[in-house]
Amino acid sequence: MTDFLQMGGYAPYVWSAYGITLVVLLLNIWSARRARIQSLARAAETAGEERPRRRPTVRQVQ
């Protein structure tokens, strides 16, 4: 088991790569969930609001 964990002397590189990959994946999951929560909150805030309609502009043809 220790031979596997030492990986022939390359353990610091291999395990740091695994660690960095894990951190990046966790940050991606956290960021996606945070963005989802924020967008749902924004949608809930604007759901009851009515936006004023823009009046069409009429140009006179001469």
C-alpha atoms as a PDB file:
ATOM      1  CA  MET A   1       0.000   0.000   0.000  1.00  0.00           C
ATOM      2  CA  THR A   2       2.831   2.426   0.787  1.00  0.00           C
ATOM      3  CA  ASP A   3       4.373   1.697  -2.631  1.00  0.00           C
ATOM      4  CA  PHE A   4       1.117   2.759  -4.236  1.00  0.00           C
ATOM      5  CA  LEU A   5       0.878   5.932  -2.151  1.00  0.00           C
ATOM      6  CA  GLN A   6       4.514   6.860  -2.911  1.00  0.00           C
ATOM      7  CA  MET A   7       3.978   6.197  -6.636  1.00  0.00           C
ATOM      8  CA  GLY A   8       7.598   5.538  -7.426  1.00  0.00           C
ATOM      9  CA  GLY A   9       8.794   8.886  -6.116  1.00  0.00           C
ATOM     10  CA  TYR A  10       6.242  10.929  -8.038  1.00  0.00           C
ATOM     11  CA  ALA A  11       3.742  11.132  -5.179  1.00  0.00           C
ATOM     12  CA  PRO A  12       4.049  14.904  -4.567  1.00  0.00           C
ATOM     13  CA  TYR A  13       3.233  15.674  -8.188  1.00  0.00           C
ATOM     14  CA  VAL A  14       0.457  13.116  -8.528  1.00  0.00           C
ATOM     15  CA  TRP A  15      -1.296  13.868  -5.224  1.00  0.00           C
ATOM     16  CA  SER A  16      -1.012  17.618  -5.711  1.00  0.00           C
ATOM     17  CA  ALA A  17      -2.600  17.228  -9.157  1.00  0.00           C
ATOM     18  CA  TYR A  18      -5.428  15.220  -7.586  1.00  0.00           C
ATOM     19  CA  GLY A  19      -5.815  17.861  -4.889  1.00  0.00           C
ATOM     20  CA  ILE A  20      -5.894  20.768  -7.332  1.00  0.00           C
ATOM     21  CA  THR A  21      -8.416  18.920  -9.502  1.00  0.00           C
ATOM     22  CA  LEU A  22     -10.637  18.274  -6.495  1.00  0.00           C
ATOM     23  CA  VAL A  23     -10.480  21.926  -5.424  1.00  0.00           C
ATOM     24  CA  VAL A  24     -11.364  23.125  -8.935  1.00  0.00           C
ATOM     25  CA  LEU A  25     -14.304  20.722  -9.173  1.00  0.00           C
ATOM     26  CA  LEU A  26     -15.626  21.798  -5.777  1.00  0.00           C
ATOM     27  CA  LEU A  27     -15.281  25.480  -6.728  1.00  0.00           C
ATOM     28  CA  ASN A  28     -17.189  24.847  -9.963  1.00  0.00           C
ATOM     29  CA  ILE A  29     -20.014  23.132  -8.084  1.00  0.00           C
ATOM     30  CA  TRP A  30     -20.134  25.893  -5.472  1.00  0.00           C
ATOM     31  CA  SER A  31     -20.100  28.625  -8.111  1.00  0.00           C
ATOM     32  CA  ALA A  32     -22.870  26.990 -10.151  1.00  0.00           C
ATOM     33  CA  ARG A  33     -25.085  26.562  -7.089  1.00  0.00           C
ATOM     34  CA  ARG A  34     -24.476  30.149  -5.990  1.00  0.00           C
ATOM     35  CA  ALA A  35     -25.307  31.476  -9.458  1.00  0.00           C
ATOM     36  CA  ARG A  36     -28.474  29.361  -9.555  1.00  0.00           C
ATOM     37  CA  ILE A  37     -29.636  30.647  -6.175  1.00  0.00           C
ATOM     38  CA  GLN A  38     -28.936  34.241  -7.188  1.00  0.00           C
ATOM     39  CA  SER A  39     -30.753  33.906 -10.500  1.00  0.00           C
ATOM     40  CA  LEU A  40     -33.771  32.289  -8.817  1.00  0.00           C
ATOM     41  CA  ALA A  41     -33.840  35.105  -6.267  1.00  0.00           C
ATOM     42  CA  ARG A  42     -33.612  37.689  -9.048  1.00  0.00           C
ATOM     43  CA  ALA A  43     -36.444  35.968 -10.939  1.00  0.00           C
ATOM     44  CA  ALA A  44     -38.594  35.902  -7.796  1.00  0.00           C
ATOM     45  CA  GLU A  45     -37.999  39.618  -7.235  1.00  0.00           C
ATOM     46  CA  THR A  46     -38.953  40.577 -10.764  1.00  0.00           C
ATOM     47  CA  ALA A  47     -41.892  38.153 -11.063  1.00  0.00           C
ATOM     48  CA  GLY A  48     -44.357  40.558  -9.482  1.00  0.00           C
ATOM     49  CA  GLU A  49     -43.107  43.690 -11.175  1.00  0.00           C
ATOM     50  CA  GLU A  50     -44.751  45.065 -14.248  1.00  0.00           C
ATOM     51  CA  ARG A  51     -42.506  46.823 -16.649  1.00  0.00           C
ATOM     52  CA  PRO A  52     -43.917  49.882 -18.342  1.00  0.00           C
ATOM     53  CA  ARG A  53     -44.555  49.230 -21.981  1.00  0.00           C
ATOM     54  CA  ARG A  54     -42.704  51.311 -24.465  1.00  0.00           C
ATOM     55  CA  ARG A  55     -44.872  53.357 -26.717  1.00  0.00           C
ATOM     56  CA  PRO A  56     -44.220  52.831 -30.382  1.00  0.00           C
ATOM     57  CA  THR A  57     -42.759  55.785 -32.183  1.00  0.00           C
ATOM     58  CA  VAL A  58     -44.752  56.919 -35.166  1.00  0.00           C
ATOM     59  CA  ARG A  59     -42.932  58.845 -37.832  1.00  0.00           C
ATOM     60  CA  GLN A  60     -44.733  61.141 -40.183  1.00  0.00           C
ATOM     61  CA  VAL A  61     -44.000  60.457 -43.808  1.00  0.00           C
ATOM     62  CA  GLN A  62     -43.809  63.612 -45.899  1.00  0.00           C
END
